[in-house]
């Protein structure tokens, strides 16, 4: 189908752009990764969202249990990681879920 072929070409071009950006900004990406993973709360958030979407409340409980940090600290870290596009926030209100984006 023409649409499938066109989508495949677009996807291939986007993959090429991503690869180029990863090469150009490799040091900055590695530095950001190190900074994010050096924080226990951020590292726990990324660990618990690595292979699935997680409901916000459940994620906060898991991270609190793993790190001993307050709900407010975890909420701030979630907001910061979402702003950096390291995690994606899905849904709204009581139906918020998070997933890792593999940016870092």
N, C-alpha and C. Protein backbone atom coordinates (compact mmCIF):
# COMPACT_ATOMS: atom_id res chain seq x y z
N UNK A 1 0.83 -1.18 0.00
CA UNK A 1 0.00 0.00 0.00
C UNK A 1 0.88 1.25 0.00
N UNK A 2 0.40 2.27 -0.63
CA UNK A 2 1.15 3.51 -0.75
C UNK A 2 1.33 4.16 0.62
N UNK A 3 0.28 4.19 1.43
CA UNK A 3 0.37 4.82 2.75
C UNK A 3 1.39 4.14 3.64
N UNK A 4 1.44 2.80 3.60
CA UNK A 4 2.39 2.06 4.42
C UNK A 4 3.82 2.36 3.97
N UNK A 5 4.02 2.41 2.65
CA UNK A 5 5.35 2.71 2.11
C UNK A 5 5.78 4.12 2.52
N UNK A 6 4.87 5.06 2.40
CA UNK A 6 5.16 6.45 2.76
C UNK A 6 5.49 6.56 4.25
N UNK A 7 4.72 5.88 5.09
CA UNK A 7 4.99 5.90 6.53
C UNK A 7 6.35 5.28 6.83
N UNK A 8 6.70 4.23 6.10
CA UNK A 8 7.99 3.59 6.29
C UNK A 8 9.14 4.51 5.95
N UNK A 9 8.98 5.28 4.87
CA UNK A 9 10.02 6.24 4.48
C UNK A 9 10.17 7.34 5.52
N UNK A 10 9.06 7.82 6.01
CA UNK A 10 9.10 8.87 7.04
C UNK A 10 9.78 8.33 8.29
N UNK A 11 9.41 7.12 8.68
CA UNK A 11 10.01 6.51 9.87
C UNK A 11 11.52 6.33 9.69
N UNK A 12 11.95 5.91 8.52
CA UNK A 12 13.38 5.73 8.25
C UNK A 12 14.11 7.06 8.32
N UNK A 13 13.53 8.11 7.77
CA UNK A 13 14.16 9.42 7.82
C UNK A 13 14.24 9.94 9.25
N UNK A 14 13.19 9.73 10.02
CA UNK A 14 13.22 10.15 11.43
C UNK A 14 14.27 9.37 12.20
N UNK A 15 14.40 8.07 11.94
CA UNK A 15 15.44 7.27 12.60
C UNK A 15 16.83 7.80 12.27
N UNK A 16 17.03 8.23 11.02
CA UNK A 16 18.32 8.80 10.61
C UNK A 16 18.58 10.10 11.35
N UNK A 17 17.58 10.94 11.45
CA UNK A 17 17.74 12.21 12.18
C UNK A 17 18.07 11.94 13.64
N UNK A 18 17.39 11.00 14.24
CA UNK A 18 17.66 10.65 15.64
C UNK A 18 19.09 10.15 15.80
N UNK A 19 19.55 9.30 14.89
CA UNK A 19 20.91 8.78 14.96
C UNK A 19 21.94 9.90 14.85
N UNK A 20 21.71 10.83 13.94
CA UNK A 20 22.63 11.97 13.78
C UNK A 20 22.66 12.81 15.05
N UNK A 21 21.49 13.11 15.60
CA UNK A 21 21.44 13.91 16.83
C UNK A 21 22.13 13.19 17.99
N UNK A 22 21.95 11.87 18.06
CA UNK A 22 22.62 11.10 19.12
C UNK A 22 24.14 11.18 18.98
N UNK A 23 24.63 11.17 17.74
CA UNK A 23 26.08 11.30 17.52
C UNK A 23 26.57 12.69 17.90
N UNK A 24 25.87 13.70 17.46
CA UNK A 24 26.29 15.08 17.68
C UNK A 24 26.24 15.44 19.17
N UNK A 25 25.21 14.99 19.85
CA UNK A 25 25.00 15.37 21.25
C UNK A 25 25.31 14.25 22.23
N UNK A 26 26.15 13.31 21.82
CA UNK A 26 26.47 12.15 22.66
C UNK A 26 26.95 12.55 24.05
N UNK A 27 27.88 13.48 24.13
CA UNK A 27 28.43 13.87 25.44
C UNK A 27 27.36 14.51 26.33
N UNK A 28 26.53 15.38 25.76
CA UNK A 28 25.47 16.02 26.54
C UNK A 28 24.43 15.00 27.00
N UNK A 29 24.13 14.04 26.14
CA UNK A 29 23.16 13.00 26.50
C UNK A 29 23.72 12.14 27.63
N UNK A 30 24.99 11.76 27.53
CA UNK A 30 25.62 10.96 28.58
C UNK A 30 25.68 11.71 29.90
N UNK A 31 25.99 13.01 29.84
CA UNK A 31 26.03 13.82 31.06
C UNK A 31 24.65 13.90 31.70
N UNK A 32 23.62 14.13 30.89
CA UNK A 32 22.24 14.19 31.41
C UNK A 32 21.85 12.85 32.00
N UNK A 33 22.19 11.76 31.32
CA UNK A 33 21.88 10.41 31.82
C UNK A 33 22.53 10.19 33.17
N UNK A 34 23.81 10.56 33.29
CA UNK A 34 24.52 10.37 34.56
C UNK A 34 23.89 11.18 35.68
N UNK A 35 23.54 12.43 35.39
CA UNK A 35 22.92 13.27 36.41
C UNK A 35 21.58 12.71 36.86
N UNK A 36 20.78 12.29 35.92
CA UNK A 36 19.45 11.76 36.25
C UNK A 36 19.58 10.47 37.04
N UNK A 37 20.44 9.56 36.60
CA UNK A 37 20.57 8.27 37.27
C UNK A 37 21.30 8.36 38.61
N UNK A 38 22.02 9.46 38.85
CA UNK A 38 22.69 9.62 40.15
C UNK A 38 21.71 9.99 41.25
N UNK A 39 20.53 10.44 40.87
CA UNK A 39 19.49 10.77 41.84
C UNK A 39 18.66 9.51 42.10
N UNK A 40 18.61 9.02 43.36
CA UNK A 40 17.89 7.78 43.64
C UNK A 40 16.41 7.81 43.27
N UNK A 41 15.76 8.95 43.44
CA UNK A 41 14.33 9.05 43.13
C UNK A 41 14.13 8.94 41.61
N UNK A 42 14.90 9.68 40.86
CA UNK A 42 14.78 9.63 39.40
C UNK A 42 15.13 8.24 38.88
N UNK A 43 16.18 7.64 39.43
CA UNK A 43 16.57 6.29 39.01
C UNK A 43 15.45 5.28 39.28
N UNK A 44 14.81 5.40 40.44
CA UNK A 44 13.70 4.50 40.77
C UNK A 44 12.52 4.71 39.83
N UNK A 45 12.22 5.95 39.53
CA UNK A 45 11.12 6.24 38.60
C UNK A 45 11.39 5.58 37.25
N UNK A 46 12.60 5.74 36.76
CA UNK A 46 12.94 5.14 35.46
C UNK A 46 12.92 3.62 35.53
N UNK A 47 13.35 3.06 36.63
CA UNK A 47 13.33 1.61 36.79
C UNK A 47 11.90 1.07 36.75
N UNK A 48 11.00 1.73 37.48
CA UNK A 48 9.63 1.23 37.56
C UNK A 48 8.80 1.51 36.31
N UNK A 49 9.28 2.39 35.44
CA UNK A 49 8.56 2.68 34.20
C UNK A 49 9.28 2.12 32.98
N UNK A 50 10.27 1.27 33.20
CA UNK A 50 11.11 0.82 32.09
C UNK A 50 10.40 -0.06 31.08
N UNK A 51 9.42 -0.83 31.50
CA UNK A 51 8.81 -1.75 30.55
C UNK A 51 7.28 -1.67 30.47
N UNK A 52 6.72 -0.66 31.11
CA UNK A 52 5.26 -0.56 31.11
C UNK A 52 4.79 0.82 31.56
N UNK A 53 3.53 1.12 31.26
CA UNK A 53 2.90 2.32 31.81
C UNK A 53 2.52 2.01 33.25
N UNK A 54 2.70 3.00 34.12
CA UNK A 54 2.38 2.80 35.54
C UNK A 54 1.48 3.93 35.99
N UNK A 55 0.41 3.58 36.69
CA UNK A 55 -0.52 4.56 37.24
C UNK A 55 0.24 5.42 38.26
N UNK A 56 -0.04 6.71 38.26
CA UNK A 56 0.72 7.67 39.06
C UNK A 56 0.77 7.30 40.54
N UNK A 57 -0.36 6.97 41.13
CA UNK A 57 -0.38 6.64 42.55
C UNK A 57 0.46 5.41 42.86
N UNK A 58 0.34 4.39 42.03
CA UNK A 58 1.11 3.16 42.23
C UNK A 58 2.60 3.44 42.06
N UNK A 59 2.95 4.27 41.09
CA UNK A 59 4.35 4.61 40.88
C UNK A 59 4.92 5.36 42.08
N UNK A 60 4.15 6.31 42.60
CA UNK A 60 4.61 7.07 43.77
C UNK A 60 4.82 6.15 44.96
N UNK A 61 3.93 5.19 45.15
CA UNK A 61 4.08 4.25 46.27
C UNK A 61 5.32 3.38 46.09
N UNK A 62 5.56 2.87 44.89
CA UNK A 62 6.73 2.04 44.63
C UNK A 62 8.02 2.82 44.87
N UNK A 63 8.06 4.05 44.34
CA UNK A 63 9.26 4.87 44.49
C UNK A 63 9.48 5.25 45.95
N UNK A 64 8.40 5.59 46.66
CA UNK A 64 8.52 5.92 48.09
C UNK A 64 9.05 4.72 48.87
N UNK A 65 8.54 3.53 48.56
CA UNK A 65 9.01 2.32 49.23
C UNK A 65 10.48 2.03 48.95
N UNK A 66 10.90 2.31 47.74
CA UNK A 66 12.28 2.02 47.35
C UNK A 66 13.28 3.07 47.85
N UNK A 67 12.82 4.32 48.00
CA UNK A 67 13.76 5.40 48.33
C UNK A 67 13.53 6.04 49.69
N UNK A 68 12.35 5.86 50.26
CA UNK A 68 12.03 6.50 51.54
C UNK A 68 11.72 7.98 51.41
N UNK A 69 11.56 8.47 50.20
CA UNK A 69 11.30 9.90 49.99
C UNK A 69 9.80 10.20 50.08
N UNK A 70 9.50 11.46 50.31
CA UNK A 70 8.11 11.89 50.47
C UNK A 70 7.39 11.91 49.13
N UNK A 71 6.07 11.88 49.21
CA UNK A 71 5.24 11.94 48.01
C UNK A 71 5.50 13.23 47.25
N UNK A 72 5.68 14.33 47.96
CA UNK A 72 5.91 15.63 47.33
C UNK A 72 7.23 15.63 46.55
N UNK A 73 8.29 15.04 47.13
CA UNK A 73 9.57 14.94 46.44
C UNK A 73 9.42 14.14 45.16
N UNK A 74 8.71 13.04 45.26
CA UNK A 74 8.51 12.18 44.10
C UNK A 74 7.68 12.90 43.03
N UNK A 75 6.67 13.63 43.43
CA UNK A 75 5.86 14.39 42.47
C UNK A 75 6.70 15.44 41.74
N UNK A 76 7.58 16.11 42.48
CA UNK A 76 8.45 17.11 41.85
C UNK A 76 9.38 16.45 40.83
N UNK A 77 9.92 15.30 41.19
CA UNK A 77 10.82 14.59 40.28
C UNK A 77 10.06 14.10 39.05
N UNK A 78 8.84 13.60 39.24
CA UNK A 78 8.01 13.19 38.10
C UNK A 78 7.78 14.36 37.15
N UNK A 79 7.44 15.51 37.72
CA UNK A 79 7.19 16.70 36.89
C UNK A 79 8.46 17.11 36.14
N UNK A 80 9.59 17.06 36.81
CA UNK A 80 10.85 17.42 36.17
C UNK A 80 11.24 16.47 35.05
N UNK A 81 11.09 15.18 35.29
CA UNK A 81 11.41 14.20 34.25
C UNK A 81 10.45 14.30 33.07
N UNK A 82 9.18 14.59 33.36
CA UNK A 82 8.20 14.77 32.28
C UNK A 82 8.54 16.02 31.46
N UNK A 83 8.95 17.09 32.13
CA UNK A 83 9.32 18.32 31.43
C UNK A 83 10.53 18.10 30.53
N UNK A 84 11.44 17.23 30.95
CA UNK A 84 12.62 16.90 30.15
C UNK A 84 12.32 15.85 29.08
N UNK A 85 11.12 15.32 29.08
CA UNK A 85 10.68 14.28 28.15
C UNK A 85 11.40 12.95 28.37
N UNK A 86 11.89 12.74 29.59
CA UNK A 86 12.52 11.48 29.95
C UNK A 86 11.45 10.44 30.24
N UNK A 87 10.32 10.91 30.77
CA UNK A 87 9.13 10.08 30.92
C UNK A 87 7.98 10.81 30.25
N UNK A 88 6.97 10.05 29.86
CA UNK A 88 5.78 10.65 29.25
C UNK A 88 4.62 10.52 30.23
N UNK A 89 3.88 11.60 30.38
CA UNK A 89 2.68 11.59 31.21
C UNK A 89 1.50 11.34 30.28
N UNK A 90 0.72 10.34 30.59
CA UNK A 90 -0.43 9.96 29.78
C UNK A 90 -1.69 10.13 30.61
N UNK A 91 -2.75 10.60 30.00
CA UNK A 91 -4.00 10.80 30.72
C UNK A 91 -3.97 12.07 31.55
N UNK A 92 -5.04 12.26 32.34
CA UNK A 92 -5.13 13.44 33.19
C UNK A 92 -5.99 13.12 34.40
N UNK A 93 -5.97 14.04 35.35
CA UNK A 93 -6.76 13.87 36.57
C UNK A 93 -6.39 12.59 37.29
N UNK A 94 -7.40 11.83 37.71
CA UNK A 94 -7.13 10.61 38.46
C UNK A 94 -6.62 9.46 37.58
N UNK A 95 -6.56 9.68 36.28
CA UNK A 95 -6.14 8.62 35.35
C UNK A 95 -4.75 8.84 34.77
N UNK A 96 -3.89 9.54 35.49
CA UNK A 96 -2.54 9.80 35.00
C UNK A 96 -1.69 8.54 35.12
N UNK A 97 -0.96 8.27 34.04
CA UNK A 97 -0.01 7.17 34.00
C UNK A 97 1.30 7.72 33.45
N UNK A 98 2.38 7.02 33.75
CA UNK A 98 3.69 7.41 33.25
C UNK A 98 4.33 6.24 32.55
N UNK A 99 5.16 6.57 31.54
CA UNK A 99 5.99 5.56 30.89
C UNK A 99 7.32 6.19 30.54
N UNK A 100 8.33 5.38 30.48
CA UNK A 100 9.67 5.85 30.13
C UNK A 100 9.73 6.07 28.61
N UNK A 101 10.44 7.10 28.19
CA UNK A 101 10.52 7.41 26.76
C UNK A 101 11.80 6.91 26.11
N UNK A 102 12.75 6.42 26.85
CA UNK A 102 14.05 5.98 26.36
C UNK A 102 14.89 7.12 25.81
N UNK A 103 14.56 8.33 26.18
CA UNK A 103 15.38 9.47 25.80
C UNK A 103 16.74 9.40 26.48
N UNK A 104 16.75 8.91 27.69
CA UNK A 104 17.99 8.82 28.46
C UNK A 104 18.27 7.37 28.78
